[in-house]
mmCIF file of all heavy atoms, coordinates in Angstrom:
data_MODEL
# 
_entry.id   MODEL 
# 
loop_
_atom_site.group_PDB 
_atom_site.id 
_atom_site.type_symbol 
_atom_site.label_atom_id 
_atom_site.label_alt_id 
_atom_site.label_comp_id 
_atom_site.label_asym_id 
_atom_site.label_entity_id 
_atom_site.label_seq_id 
_atom_site.pdbx_PDB_ins_code 
_atom_site.Cartn_x 
_atom_site.Cartn_y 
_atom_site.Cartn_z 
_atom_site.occupancy 
_atom_site.B_iso_or_equiv 
_atom_site.pdbx_formal_charge 
_atom_site.auth_seq_id 
_atom_site.auth_comp_id 
_atom_site.auth_asym_id 
_atom_site.auth_atom_id 
_atom_site.pdbx_PDB_model_num 
ATOM 1   N N   . TYR A 1 1  ? 0.820  -1.193 0.014   1.00 0.00 ? 1  TYR A N   1 
ATOM 2   C CA  . TYR A 1 1  ? 0.005  -0.009 0.005   1.00 0.00 ? 1  TYR A CA  1 
ATOM 3   C C   . TYR A 1 1  ? 0.887  1.215  -0.003  1.00 0.00 ? 1  TYR A C   1 
ATOM 4   O O   . TYR A 1 1  ? 0.569  2.217  -0.696  1.00 0.00 ? 1  TYR A O   1 
ATOM 5   C CB  . TYR A 1 1  ? -0.968 0.019  1.224   1.00 0.00 ? 1  TYR A CB  1 
ATOM 6   C CG  . TYR A 1 1  ? -2.213 -0.821 1.006   1.00 0.00 ? 1  TYR A CG  1 
ATOM 7   C CD1 . TYR A 1 1  ? -2.318 -2.061 1.616   1.00 0.00 ? 1  TYR A CD1 1 
ATOM 8   C CD2 . TYR A 1 1  ? -3.230 -0.378 0.239   1.00 0.00 ? 1  TYR A CD2 1 
ATOM 9   C CE1 . TYR A 1 1  ? -3.443 -2.861 1.423   1.00 0.00 ? 1  TYR A CE1 1 
ATOM 10  C CE2 . TYR A 1 1  ? -4.414 -1.129 0.058   1.00 0.00 ? 1  TYR A CE2 1 
ATOM 11  C CZ  . TYR A 1 1  ? -4.509 -2.376 0.701   1.00 0.00 ? 1  TYR A CZ  1 
ATOM 12  O OH  . TYR A 1 1  ? -5.634 -3.150 0.479   1.00 0.00 ? 1  TYR A OH  1 
ATOM 13  N N   . SER A 1 2  ? 1.947  1.245  0.798   1.00 0.00 ? 2  SER A N   1 
ATOM 14  C CA  . SER A 1 2  ? 2.827  2.391  0.844   1.00 0.00 ? 2  SER A CA  1 
ATOM 15  C C   . SER A 1 2  ? 3.470  2.675  -0.510  1.00 0.00 ? 2  SER A C   1 
ATOM 16  O O   . SER A 1 2  ? 3.506  3.840  -0.946  1.00 0.00 ? 2  SER A O   1 
ATOM 17  C CB  . SER A 1 2  ? 3.931  2.170  1.871   1.00 0.00 ? 2  SER A CB  1 
ATOM 18  O OG  . SER A 1 2  ? 3.432  2.092  3.152   1.00 0.00 ? 2  SER A OG  1 
ATOM 19  N N   . ILE A 1 3  ? 3.863  1.619  -1.207  1.00 0.00 ? 3  ILE A N   1 
ATOM 20  C CA  . ILE A 1 3  ? 4.429  1.839  -2.538  1.00 0.00 ? 3  ILE A CA  1 
ATOM 21  C C   . ILE A 1 3  ? 3.451  2.398  -3.515  1.00 0.00 ? 3  ILE A C   1 
ATOM 22  O O   . ILE A 1 3  ? 3.695  3.363  -4.242  1.00 0.00 ? 3  ILE A O   1 
ATOM 23  C CB  . ILE A 1 3  ? 5.001  0.505  -3.082  1.00 0.00 ? 3  ILE A CB  1 
ATOM 24  C CG1 . ILE A 1 3  ? 6.263  0.091  -2.287  1.00 0.00 ? 3  ILE A CG1 1 
ATOM 25  C CG2 . ILE A 1 3  ? 5.363  0.569  -4.561  1.00 0.00 ? 3  ILE A CG2 1 
ATOM 26  C CD1 . ILE A 1 3  ? 6.737  -1.321 -2.552  1.00 0.00 ? 3  ILE A CD1 1 
ATOM 27  N N   . LEU A 1 4  ? 2.218  1.855  -3.494  1.00 0.00 ? 4  LEU A N   1 
ATOM 28  C CA  . LEU A 1 4  ? 1.205  2.274  -4.440  1.00 0.00 ? 4  LEU A CA  1 
ATOM 29  C C   . LEU A 1 4  ? 0.806  3.740  -4.247  1.00 0.00 ? 4  LEU A C   1 
ATOM 30  O O   . LEU A 1 4  ? 0.391  4.426  -5.147  1.00 0.00 ? 4  LEU A O   1 
ATOM 31  C CB  . LEU A 1 4  ? -0.017 1.370  -4.377  1.00 0.00 ? 4  LEU A CB  1 
ATOM 32  C CG  . LEU A 1 4  ? 0.191  -0.095 -4.850  1.00 0.00 ? 4  LEU A CG  1 
ATOM 33  C CD1 . LEU A 1 4  ? -1.049 -0.911 -4.552  1.00 0.00 ? 4  LEU A CD1 1 
ATOM 34  C CD2 . LEU A 1 4  ? 0.516  -0.160 -6.333  1.00 0.00 ? 4  LEU A CD2 1 
ATOM 35  N N   . LYS A 1 5  ? 0.834  4.202  -3.015  1.00 0.00 ? 5  LYS A N   1 
ATOM 36  C CA  . LYS A 1 5  ? 0.426  5.561  -2.692  1.00 0.00 ? 5  LYS A CA  1 
ATOM 37  C C   . LYS A 1 5  ? 1.576  6.618  -2.830  1.00 0.00 ? 5  LYS A C   1 
ATOM 38  O O   . LYS A 1 5  ? 1.337  7.771  -2.826  1.00 0.00 ? 5  LYS A O   1 
ATOM 39  C CB  . LYS A 1 5  ? -0.105 5.650  -1.242  1.00 0.00 ? 5  LYS A CB  1 
ATOM 40  C CG  . LYS A 1 5  ? -1.389 4.905  -1.037  1.00 0.00 ? 5  LYS A CG  1 
ATOM 41  C CD  . LYS A 1 5  ? -1.954 5.191  0.368   1.00 0.00 ? 5  LYS A CD  1 
ATOM 42  C CE  . LYS A 1 5  ? -0.983 4.812  1.474   1.00 0.00 ? 5  LYS A CE  1 
ATOM 43  N NZ  . LYS A 1 5  ? -1.599 4.949  2.754   1.00 0.00 ? 5  LYS A NZ  1 
ATOM 44  N N   . ASN A 1 6  ? 2.831  6.129  -2.988  1.00 0.00 ? 6  ASN A N   1 
ATOM 45  C CA  . ASN A 1 6  ? 3.966  6.994  -2.997  1.00 0.00 ? 6  ASN A CA  1 
ATOM 46  C C   . ASN A 1 6  ? 4.181  7.660  -4.370  1.00 0.00 ? 6  ASN A C   1 
ATOM 47  O O   . ASN A 1 6  ? 4.509  6.977  -5.327  1.00 0.00 ? 6  ASN A O   1 
ATOM 48  C CB  . ASN A 1 6  ? 5.195  6.243  -2.575  1.00 0.00 ? 6  ASN A CB  1 
ATOM 49  C CG  . ASN A 1 6  ? 6.365  7.113  -2.274  1.00 0.00 ? 6  ASN A CG  1 
ATOM 50  O OD1 . ASN A 1 6  ? 6.432  8.281  -2.635  1.00 0.00 ? 6  ASN A OD1 1 
ATOM 51  N ND2 . ASN A 1 6  ? 7.331  6.548  -1.562  1.00 0.00 ? 6  ASN A ND2 1 
ATOM 52  N N   . PRO A 1 7  ? 4.070  8.993  -4.451  1.00 0.00 ? 7  PRO A N   1 
ATOM 53  C CA  . PRO A 1 7  ? 4.287  9.693  -5.743  1.00 0.00 ? 7  PRO A CA  1 
ATOM 54  C C   . PRO A 1 7  ? 5.716  9.651  -6.213  1.00 0.00 ? 7  PRO A C   1 
ATOM 55  O O   . PRO A 1 7  ? 6.015  10.039 -7.327  1.00 0.00 ? 7  PRO A O   1 
ATOM 56  C CB  . PRO A 1 7  ? 3.819  11.097 -5.490  1.00 0.00 ? 7  PRO A CB  1 
ATOM 57  C CG  . PRO A 1 7  ? 3.916  11.295 -4.041  1.00 0.00 ? 7  PRO A CG  1 
ATOM 58  C CD  . PRO A 1 7  ? 3.703  9.954  -3.409  1.00 0.00 ? 7  PRO A CD  1 
ATOM 59  N N   . PHE A 1 8  ? 6.623  9.222  -5.309  1.00 0.00 ? 8  PHE A N   1 
ATOM 60  C CA  . PHE A 1 8  ? 8.070  9.107  -5.680  1.00 0.00 ? 8  PHE A CA  1 
ATOM 61  C C   . PHE A 1 8  ? 8.220  8.291  -6.981  1.00 0.00 ? 8  PHE A C   1 
ATOM 62  O O   . PHE A 1 8  ? 9.082  8.578  -7.793  1.00 0.00 ? 8  PHE A O   1 
ATOM 63  C CB  . PHE A 1 8  ? 8.807  8.475  -4.500  1.00 0.00 ? 8  PHE A CB  1 
ATOM 64  C CG  . PHE A 1 8  ? 10.319 8.404  -4.748  1.00 0.00 ? 8  PHE A CG  1 
ATOM 65  C CD1 . PHE A 1 8  ? 11.172 9.395  -4.253  1.00 0.00 ? 8  PHE A CD1 1 
ATOM 66  C CD2 . PHE A 1 8  ? 10.889 7.317  -5.379  1.00 0.00 ? 8  PHE A CD2 1 
ATOM 67  C CE1 . PHE A 1 8  ? 12.501 9.361  -4.500  1.00 0.00 ? 8  PHE A CE1 1 
ATOM 68  C CE2 . PHE A 1 8  ? 12.281 7.266  -5.579  1.00 0.00 ? 8  PHE A CE2 1 
ATOM 69  C CZ  . PHE A 1 8  ? 13.033 8.290  -5.132  1.00 0.00 ? 8  PHE A CZ  1 
ATOM 70  N N   . TYR A 1 9  ? 7.405  7.230  -7.074  1.00 0.00 ? 9  TYR A N   1 
ATOM 71  C CA  . TYR A 1 9  ? 7.534  6.310  -8.244  1.00 0.00 ? 9  TYR A CA  1 
ATOM 72  C C   . TYR A 1 9  ? 7.183  7.012  -9.587  1.00 0.00 ? 9  TYR A C   1 
ATOM 73  O O   . TYR A 1 9  ? 7.544  6.485  -10.591 1.00 0.00 ? 9  TYR A O   1 
ATOM 74  C CB  . TYR A 1 9  ? 6.738  5.054  -7.975  1.00 0.00 ? 9  TYR A CB  1 
ATOM 75  C CG  . TYR A 1 9  ? 7.263  4.237  -6.864  1.00 0.00 ? 9  TYR A CG  1 
ATOM 76  C CD1 . TYR A 1 9  ? 6.746  4.382  -5.545  1.00 0.00 ? 9  TYR A CD1 1 
ATOM 77  C CD2 . TYR A 1 9  ? 8.330  3.374  -7.036  1.00 0.00 ? 9  TYR A CD2 1 
ATOM 78  C CE1 . TYR A 1 9  ? 7.284  3.677  -4.532  1.00 0.00 ? 9  TYR A CE1 1 
ATOM 79  C CE2 . TYR A 1 9  ? 8.864  2.621  -6.004  1.00 0.00 ? 9  TYR A CE2 1 
ATOM 80  C CZ  . TYR A 1 9  ? 8.334  2.823  -4.751  1.00 0.00 ? 9  TYR A CZ  1 
ATOM 81  O OH  . TYR A 1 9  ? 8.884  2.102  -3.672  1.00 0.00 ? 9  TYR A OH  1 
ATOM 82  N N   . MET A 1 10 ? 6.474  8.139  -9.490  1.00 0.00 ? 10 MET A N   1 
ATOM 83  C CA  . MET A 1 10 ? 6.131  8.913  -10.670 1.00 0.00 ? 10 MET A CA  1 
ATOM 84  C C   . MET A 1 10 ? 7.152  10.036 -10.895 1.00 0.00 ? 10 MET A C   1 
ATOM 85  O O   . MET A 1 10 ? 6.986  10.891 -11.764 1.00 0.00 ? 10 MET A O   1 
ATOM 86  C CB  . MET A 1 10 ? 4.770  9.518  -10.569 1.00 0.00 ? 10 MET A CB  1 
ATOM 87  C CG  . MET A 1 10 ? 3.670  8.435  -10.503 1.00 0.00 ? 10 MET A CG  1 
ATOM 88  S SD  . MET A 1 10 ? 2.010  9.194  -10.386 1.00 0.00 ? 10 MET A SD  1 
ATOM 89  C CE  . MET A 1 10 ? 2.093  10.062 -8.824  1.00 0.00 ? 10 MET A CE  1 
ATOM 90  N N   . GLY A 1 11 ? 8.221  10.094 -10.101 1.00 0.00 ? 11 GLY A N   1 
ATOM 91  C CA  . GLY A 1 11 ? 9.223  11.176 -10.204 1.00 0.00 ? 11 GLY A CA  1 
ATOM 92  C C   . GLY A 1 11 ? 8.943  12.375 -9.412  1.00 0.00 ? 11 GLY A C   1 
ATOM 93  O O   . GLY A 1 11 ? 9.521  13.400 -9.658  1.00 0.00 ? 11 GLY A O   1 
ATOM 94  N N   . VAL A 1 12 ? 8.059  12.280 -8.409  1.00 0.00 ? 12 VAL A N   1 
ATOM 95  C CA  . VAL A 1 12 ? 7.663  13.413 -7.611  1.00 0.00 ? 12 VAL A CA  1 
ATOM 96  C C   . VAL A 1 12 ? 8.035  13.176 -6.173  1.00 0.00 ? 12 VAL A C   1 
ATOM 97  O O   . VAL A 1 12 ? 7.903  12.061 -5.678  1.00 0.00 ? 12 VAL A O   1 
ATOM 98  C CB  . VAL A 1 12 ? 6.114  13.647 -7.748  1.00 0.00 ? 12 VAL A CB  1 
ATOM 99  C CG1 . VAL A 1 12 ? 5.679  14.760 -6.806  1.00 0.00 ? 12 VAL A CG1 1 
ATOM 100 C CG2 . VAL A 1 12 ? 5.737  13.887 -9.169  1.00 0.00 ? 12 VAL A CG2 1 
ATOM 101 N N   . ARG A 1 13 ? 8.515  14.229 -5.507  1.00 0.00 ? 13 ARG A N   1 
ATOM 102 C CA  . ARG A 1 13 ? 8.824  14.119 -4.135  1.00 0.00 ? 13 ARG A CA  1 
ATOM 103 C C   . ARG A 1 13 ? 7.756  14.886 -3.330  1.00 0.00 ? 13 ARG A C   1 
ATOM 104 O O   . ARG A 1 13 ? 7.578  16.078 -3.550  1.00 0.00 ? 13 ARG A O   1 
ATOM 105 C CB  . ARG A 1 13 ? 10.210 14.814 -3.793  1.00 0.00 ? 13 ARG A CB  1 
ATOM 106 C CG  . ARG A 1 13 ? 11.298 14.442 -4.731  1.00 0.00 ? 13 ARG A CG  1 
ATOM 107 C CD  . ARG A 1 13 ? 11.914 13.081 -4.350  1.00 0.00 ? 13 ARG A CD  1 
ATOM 108 N NE  . ARG A 1 13 ? 12.964 12.733 -5.282  1.00 0.00 ? 13 ARG A NE  1 
ATOM 109 C CZ  . ARG A 1 13 ? 14.216 12.650 -4.922  1.00 0.00 ? 13 ARG A CZ  1 
ATOM 110 N NH1 . ARG A 1 13 ? 14.569 12.883 -3.717  1.00 0.00 ? 13 ARG A NH1 1 
ATOM 111 N NH2 . ARG A 1 13 ? 15.135 12.319 -5.825  1.00 0.00 ? 13 ARG A NH2 1 
ATOM 112 N N   . ALA A 1 14 ? 7.064  14.199 -2.456  1.00 0.00 ? 14 ALA A N   1 
ATOM 113 C CA  . ALA A 1 14 ? 6.043  14.843 -1.624  1.00 0.00 ? 14 ALA A CA  1 
ATOM 114 C C   . ALA A 1 14 ? 6.643  15.072 -0.235  1.00 0.00 ? 14 ALA A C   1 
ATOM 115 O O   . ALA A 1 14 ? 7.217  14.164 0.378   1.00 0.00 ? 14 ALA A O   1 
ATOM 116 C CB  . ALA A 1 14 ? 4.822  13.972 -1.512  1.00 0.00 ? 14 ALA A CB  1 
ATOM 117 N N   . TRP A 1 15 ? 6.483  16.304 0.295   1.00 0.00 ? 15 TRP A N   1 
ATOM 118 C CA  . TRP A 1 15 ? 6.996  16.627 1.605   1.00 0.00 ? 15 TRP A CA  1 
ATOM 119 C C   . TRP A 1 15 ? 6.126  17.707 2.228   1.00 0.00 ? 15 TRP A C   1 
ATOM 120 O O   . TRP A 1 15 ? 6.003  18.793 1.669   1.00 0.00 ? 15 TRP A O   1 
ATOM 121 C CB  . TRP A 1 15 ? 8.509  17.087 1.488   1.00 0.00 ? 15 TRP A CB  1 
ATOM 122 C CG  . TRP A 1 15 ? 9.134  17.451 2.798   1.00 0.00 ? 15 TRP A CG  1 
ATOM 123 C CD1 . TRP A 1 15 ? 9.354  18.652 3.295   1.00 0.00 ? 15 TRP A CD1 1 
ATOM 124 C CD2 . TRP A 1 15 ? 9.549  16.484 3.750   1.00 0.00 ? 15 TRP A CD2 1 
ATOM 125 N NE1 . TRP A 1 15 ? 9.906  18.566 4.501   1.00 0.00 ? 15 TRP A NE1 1 
ATOM 126 C CE2 . TRP A 1 15 ? 10.073 17.274 4.851   1.00 0.00 ? 15 TRP A CE2 1 
ATOM 127 C CE3 . TRP A 1 15 ? 9.598  15.111 3.869   1.00 0.00 ? 15 TRP A CE3 1 
ATOM 128 C CZ2 . TRP A 1 15 ? 10.606 16.649 5.995   1.00 0.00 ? 15 TRP A CZ2 1 
ATOM 129 C CZ3 . TRP A 1 15 ? 10.108 14.523 4.968   1.00 0.00 ? 15 TRP A CZ3 1 
ATOM 130 C CH2 . TRP A 1 15 ? 10.618 15.265 6.001   1.00 0.00 ? 15 TRP A CH2 1 
ATOM 131 N N   . LYS A 1 16 ? 5.582  17.375 3.335   1.00 0.00 ? 16 LYS A N   1 
ATOM 132 C CA  . LYS A 1 16 ? 4.732  18.317 4.135   1.00 0.00 ? 16 LYS A CA  1 
ATOM 133 C C   . LYS A 1 16 ? 3.669  19.010 3.281   1.00 0.00 ? 16 LYS A C   1 
ATOM 134 O O   . LYS A 1 16 ? 3.533  20.175 3.283   1.00 0.00 ? 16 LYS A O   1 
ATOM 135 C CB  . LYS A 1 16 ? 5.605  19.341 4.829   1.00 0.00 ? 16 LYS A CB  1 
ATOM 136 C CG  . LYS A 1 16 ? 6.480  18.660 5.889   1.00 0.00 ? 16 LYS A CG  1 
ATOM 137 C CD  . LYS A 1 16 ? 7.157  19.722 6.724   1.00 0.00 ? 16 LYS A CD  1 
ATOM 138 C CE  . LYS A 1 16 ? 7.887  19.014 7.852   1.00 0.00 ? 16 LYS A CE  1 
ATOM 139 N NZ  . LYS A 1 16 ? 8.553  19.951 8.772   1.00 0.00 ? 16 LYS A NZ  1 
ATOM 140 N N   . GLY A 1 17 ? 2.949  18.203 2.497   1.00 0.00 ? 17 GLY A N   1 
ATOM 141 C CA  . GLY A 1 17 ? 1.792  18.758 1.733   1.00 0.00 ? 17 GLY A CA  1 
ATOM 142 C C   . GLY A 1 17 ? 2.201  19.416 0.434   1.00 0.00 ? 17 GLY A C   1 
ATOM 143 O O   . GLY A 1 17 ? 1.349  19.877 -0.296  1.00 0.00 ? 17 GLY A O   1 
ATOM 144 N N   . ARG A 1 18 ? 3.466  19.417 0.110   1.00 0.00 ? 18 ARG A N   1 
ATOM 145 C CA  . ARG A 1 18 ? 3.909  19.992 -1.191  1.00 0.00 ? 18 ARG A CA  1 
ATOM 146 C C   . ARG A 1 18 ? 4.599  18.957 -2.011  1.00 0.00 ? 18 ARG A C   1 
ATOM 147 O O   . ARG A 1 18 ? 5.099  17.960 -1.509  1.00 0.00 ? 18 ARG A O   1 
ATOM 148 C CB  . ARG A 1 18 ? 4.882  21.152 -0.943  1.00 0.00 ? 18 ARG A CB  1 
ATOM 149 C CG  . ARG A 1 18 ? 4.285  22.286 -0.223  1.00 0.00 ? 18 ARG A CG  1 
ATOM 150 C CD  . ARG A 1 18 ? 5.195  23.458 0.041   1.00 0.00 ? 18 ARG A CD  1 
ATOM 151 N NE  . ARG A 1 18 ? 5.755  23.981 -1.203  1.00 0.00 ? 18 ARG A NE  1 
ATOM 152 C CZ  . ARG A 1 18 ? 6.785  24.816 -1.287  1.00 0.00 ? 18 ARG A CZ  1 
ATOM 153 N NH1 . ARG A 1 18 ? 7.453  25.186 -0.176  1.00 0.00 ? 18 ARG A NH1 1 
ATOM 154 N NH2 . ARG A 1 18 ? 7.205  25.252 -2.450  1.00 0.00 ? 18 ARG A NH2 1 
ATOM 155 N N   . GLU A 1 19 ? 4.566  19.191 -3.331  1.00 0.00 ? 19 GLU A N   1 
ATOM 156 C CA  . GLU A 1 19 ? 5.233  18.212 -4.289  1.00 0.00 ? 19 GLU A CA  1 
ATOM 157 C C   . GLU A 1 19 ? 6.365  18.936 -4.970  1.00 0.00 ? 19 GLU A C   1 
ATOM 158 O O   . GLU A 1 19 ? 6.235  20.123 -5.338  1.00 0.00 ? 19 GLU A O   1 
ATOM 159 C CB  . GLU A 1 19 ? 4.218  17.658 -5.274  1.00 0.00 ? 19 GLU A CB  1 
ATOM 160 C CG  . GLU A 1 19 ? 3.177  16.733 -4.626  1.00 0.00 ? 19 GLU A CG  1 
ATOM 161 C CD  . GLU A 1 19 ? 2.345  16.052 -5.687  1.00 0.00 ? 19 GLU A CD  1 
ATOM 162 O OE1 . GLU A 1 19 ? 2.327  16.466 -6.815  1.00 0.00 ? 19 GLU A OE1 1 
ATOM 163 O OE2 . GLU A 1 19 ? 1.616  15.099 -5.284  1.00 0.00 ? 19 GLU A OE2 1 
ATOM 164 N N   . TYR A 1 20 ? 7.459  18.187 -5.130  1.00 0.00 ? 20 TYR A N   1 
ATOM 165 C CA  . TYR A 1 20 ? 8.666  18.734 -5.823  1.00 0.00 ? 20 TYR A CA  1 
ATOM 166 C C   . TYR A 1 20 ? 9.010  17.737 -6.885  1.00 0.00 ? 20 TYR A C   1 
ATOM 167 O O   . TYR A 1 20 ? 8.950  16.531 -6.725  1.00 0.00 ? 20 TYR A O   1 
ATOM 168 C CB  . TYR A 1 20 ? 9.828  18.859 -4.828  1.00 0.00 ? 20 TYR A CB  1 
ATOM 169 C CG  . TYR A 1 20 ? 9.577  19.695 -3.633  1.00 0.00 ? 20 TYR A CG  1 
ATOM 170 C CD1 . TYR A 1 20 ? 8.913  19.191 -2.479  1.00 0.00 ? 20 TYR A CD1 1 
ATOM 171 C CD2 . TYR A 1 20 ? 9.960  21.040 -3.656  1.00 0.00 ? 20 TYR A CD2 1 
ATOM 172 C CE1 . TYR A 1 20 ? 8.673  19.992 -1.431  1.00 0.00 ? 20 TYR A CE1 1 
ATOM 173 C CE2 . TYR A 1 20 ? 9.706  21.841 -2.569  1.00 0.00 ? 20 TYR A CE2 1 
ATOM 174 C CZ  . TYR A 1 20 ? 9.064  21.294 -1.424  1.00 0.00 ? 20 TYR A CZ  1 
ATOM 175 O OH  . TYR A 1 20 ? 8.856  22.109 -0.293  1.00 0.00 ? 20 TYR A OH  1 
ATOM 176 N N   . PRO A 1 21 ? 9.493  18.214 -8.082  1.00 0.00 ? 21 PRO A N   1 
ATOM 177 C CA  . PRO A 1 21 ? 10.007 17.305 -9.072  1.00 0.00 ? 21 PRO A CA  1 
ATOM 178 C C   . PRO A 1 21 ? 11.257 16.654 -8.610  1.00 0.00 ? 21 PRO A C   1 
ATOM 179 O O   . PRO A 1 21 ? 12.157 17.339 -8.056  1.00 0.00 ? 21 PRO A O   1 
ATOM 180 C CB  . PRO A 1 21 ? 10.200 18.173 -10.301 1.00 0.00 ? 21 PRO A CB  1 
ATOM 181 C CG  . PRO A 1 21 ? 10.336 19.543 -9.795  1.00 0.00 ? 21 PRO A CG  1 
ATOM 182 C CD  . PRO A 1 21 ? 9.586  19.587 -8.521  1.00 0.00 ? 21 PRO A CD  1 
ATOM 183 N N   . GLY A 1 22 ? 11.407 15.364 -8.778  1.00 0.00 ? 22 GLY A N   1 
ATOM 184 C CA  . GLY A 1 22 ? 12.627 14.638 -8.342  1.00 0.00 ? 22 GLY A CA  1 
ATOM 185 C C   . GLY A 1 22 ? 13.623 14.565 -9.486  1.00 0.00 ? 22 GLY A C   1 
ATOM 186 O O   . GLY A 1 22 ? 13.279 14.772 -10.629 1.00 0.00 ? 22 GLY A O   1 
ATOM 187 N N   . ASN A 1 23 ? 14.839 14.277 -9.170  1.00 0.00 ? 23 ASN A N   1 
ATOM 188 C CA  . ASN A 1 23 ? 15.837 14.092 -10.195 1.00 0.00 ? 23 ASN A CA  1 
ATOM 189 C C   . ASN A 1 23 ? 16.276 12.635 -10.350 1.00 0.00 ? 23 ASN A C   1 
ATOM 190 O O   . ASN A 1 23 ? 17.266 12.250 -10.928 1.00 0.00 ? 23 ASN A O   1 
ATOM 191 C CB  . ASN A 1 23 ? 17.090 14.996 -9.955  1.00 0.00 ? 23 ASN A CB  1 
ATOM 192 C CG  . ASN A 1 23 ? 17.814 14.641 -8.638  1.00 0.00 ? 23 ASN A CG  1 
ATOM 193 O OD1 . ASN A 1 23 ? 17.500 13.606 -8.048  1.00 0.00 ? 23 ASN A OD1 1 
ATOM 194 N ND2 . ASN A 1 23 ? 18.727 15.476 -8.249  1.00 0.00 ? 23 ASN A ND2 1 
ATOM 195 N N   . HIS A 1 24 ? 15.404 11.711 -9.798  1.00 0.00 ? 24 HIS A N   1 
ATOM 196 C CA  . HIS A 1 24 ? 15.604 10.289 -9.946  1.00 0.00 ? 24 HIS A CA  1 
ATOM 197 C C   . HIS A 1 24 ? 14.801 9.809  -11.165 1.00 0.00 ? 24 HIS A C   1 
ATOM 198 O O   . HIS A 1 24 ? 13.927 10.480 -11.653 1.00 0.00 ? 24 HIS A O   1 
ATOM 199 C CB  . HIS A 1 24 ? 15.169 9.597  -8.676  1.00 0.00 ? 24 HIS A CB  1 
ATOM 200 C CG  . HIS A 1 24 ? 13.748 9.796  -8.404  1.00 0.00 ? 24 HIS A CG  1 
ATOM 201 N ND1 . HIS A 1 24 ? 13.214 10.933 -7.850  1.00 0.00 ? 24 HIS A ND1 1 
ATOM 202 C CD2 . HIS A 1 24 ? 12.655 8.929  -8.519  1.00 0.00 ? 24 HIS A CD2 1 
ATOM 203 C CE1 . HIS A 1 24 ? 11.878 10.789 -7.714  1.00 0.00 ? 24 HIS A CE1 1 
ATOM 204 N NE2 . HIS A 1 24 ? 11.521 9.601  -8.121  1.00 0.00 ? 24 HIS A NE2 1 
ATOM 205 N N   . GLU A 1 25 ? 15.103 8.575  -11.563 1.00 0.00 ? 25 GLU A N   1 
ATOM 206 C CA  . GLU A 1 25 ? 14.376 7.949  -12.667 1.00 0.00 ? 25 GLU A CA  1 
ATOM 207 C C   . GLU A 1 25 ? 13.031 7.524  -12.247 1.00 0.00 ? 25 GLU A C   1 
ATOM 208 O O   . GLU A 1 25 ? 12.874 6.683  -11.344 1.00 0.00 ? 25 GLU A O   1 
ATOM 209 C CB  . GLU A 1 25 ? 15.192 6.749  -13.210 1.00 0.00 ? 25 GLU A CB  1 
ATOM 210 C CG  . GLU A 1 25 ? 14.494 6.054  -14.326 1.00 0.00 ? 25 GLU A CG  1 
ATOM 211 C CD  . GLU A 1 25 ? 15.265 4.796  -14.755 1.00 0.00 ? 25 GLU A CD  1 
ATOM 212 O OE1 . GLU A 1 25 ? 16.387 4.593  -14.258 1.00 0.00 ? 25 GLU A OE1 1 
ATOM 213 O OE2 . GLU A 1 25 ? 14.696 4.060  -15.568 1.00 0.00 ? 25 GLU A OE2 1 
ATOM 214 N N   . PRO A 1 26 ? 11.927 8.041  -12.858 1.00 0.00 ? 26 PRO A N   1 
ATOM 215 C CA  . PRO A 1 26 ? 10.609 7.528  -12.447 1.00 0.00 ? 26 PRO A CA  1 
ATOM 216 C C   . PRO A 1 26 ? 10.419 6.082  -12.899 1.00 0.00 ? 26 PRO A C   1 
ATOM 217 O O   . PRO A 1 26 ? 10.988 5.647  -13.870 1.00 0.00 ? 26 PRO A O   1 
ATOM 218 C CB  . PRO A 1 26 ? 9.670  8.433  -13.278 1.00 0.00 ? 26 PRO A CB  1 
ATOM 219 C CG  . PRO A 1 26 ? 10.467 9.561  -13.795 1.00 0.00 ? 26 PRO A CG  1 
ATOM 220 C CD  . PRO A 1 26 ? 11.911 9.095  -13.830 1.00 0.00 ? 26 PRO A CD  1 
ATOM 221 N N   . MET A 1 27 ? 9.642  5.360  -12.078 1.00 0.00 ? 27 MET A N   1 
ATOM 222 C CA  . MET A 1 27 ? 9.378  3.994  -12.375 1.00 0.00 ? 27 MET A CA  1 
ATOM 223 C C   . MET A 1 27 ? 8.126  3.878  -13.281 1.00 0.00 ? 27 MET A C   1 
ATOM 224 O O   . MET A 1 27 ? 8.008  2.990  -14.087 1.00 0.00 ? 27 MET A O   1 
ATOM 225 C CB  . MET A 1 27 ? 9.183  3.184  -11.093 1.00 0.00 ? 27 MET A CB  1 
ATOM 226 C CG  . MET A 1 27 ? 9.089  1.710  -11.296 1.00 0.00 ? 27 MET A CG  1 
ATOM 227 S SD  . MET A 1 27 ? 8.933  0.816  -9.750  1.00 0.00 ? 27 MET A SD  1 
ATOM 228 C CE  . MET A 1 27 ? 10.562 0.949  -9.094  1.00 0.00 ? 27 MET A CE  1 
ATOM 229 N N   . ILE A 1 28 ? 7.194  4.757  -13.053 1.00 0.00 ? 28 ILE A N   1 
ATOM 230 C CA  . ILE A 1 28 ? 5.948  4.801  -13.801 1.00 0.00 ? 28 ILE A CA  1 
ATOM 231 C C   . ILE A 1 28 ? 5.668  6.177  -14.319 1.00 0.00 ? 28 ILE A C   1 
ATOM 232 O O   . ILE A 1 28 ? 6.238  7.179  -13.815 1.00 0.00 ? 28 ILE A O   1 
ATOM 233 C CB  . ILE A 1 28 ? 4.774  4.243  -13.007 1.00 0.00 ? 28 ILE A CB  1 
ATOM 234 C CG1 . ILE A 1 28 ? 4.556  5.110  -11.753 1.00 0.00 ? 28 ILE A CG1 1 
ATOM 235 C CG2 . ILE A 1 28 ? 4.975  2.805  -12.631 1.00 0.00 ? 28 ILE A CG2 1 
ATOM 236 C CD1 . ILE A 1 28 ? 3.327  4.784  -10.942 1.00 0.00 ? 28 ILE A CD1 1 
# 
């Protein structure tokens, strides 16, 4: 469930209610 809900896998970093674009390779 944690993986499915985590926007990190789409290349987004969520922190304290805000989203930041990540510089890692998105999985999906």
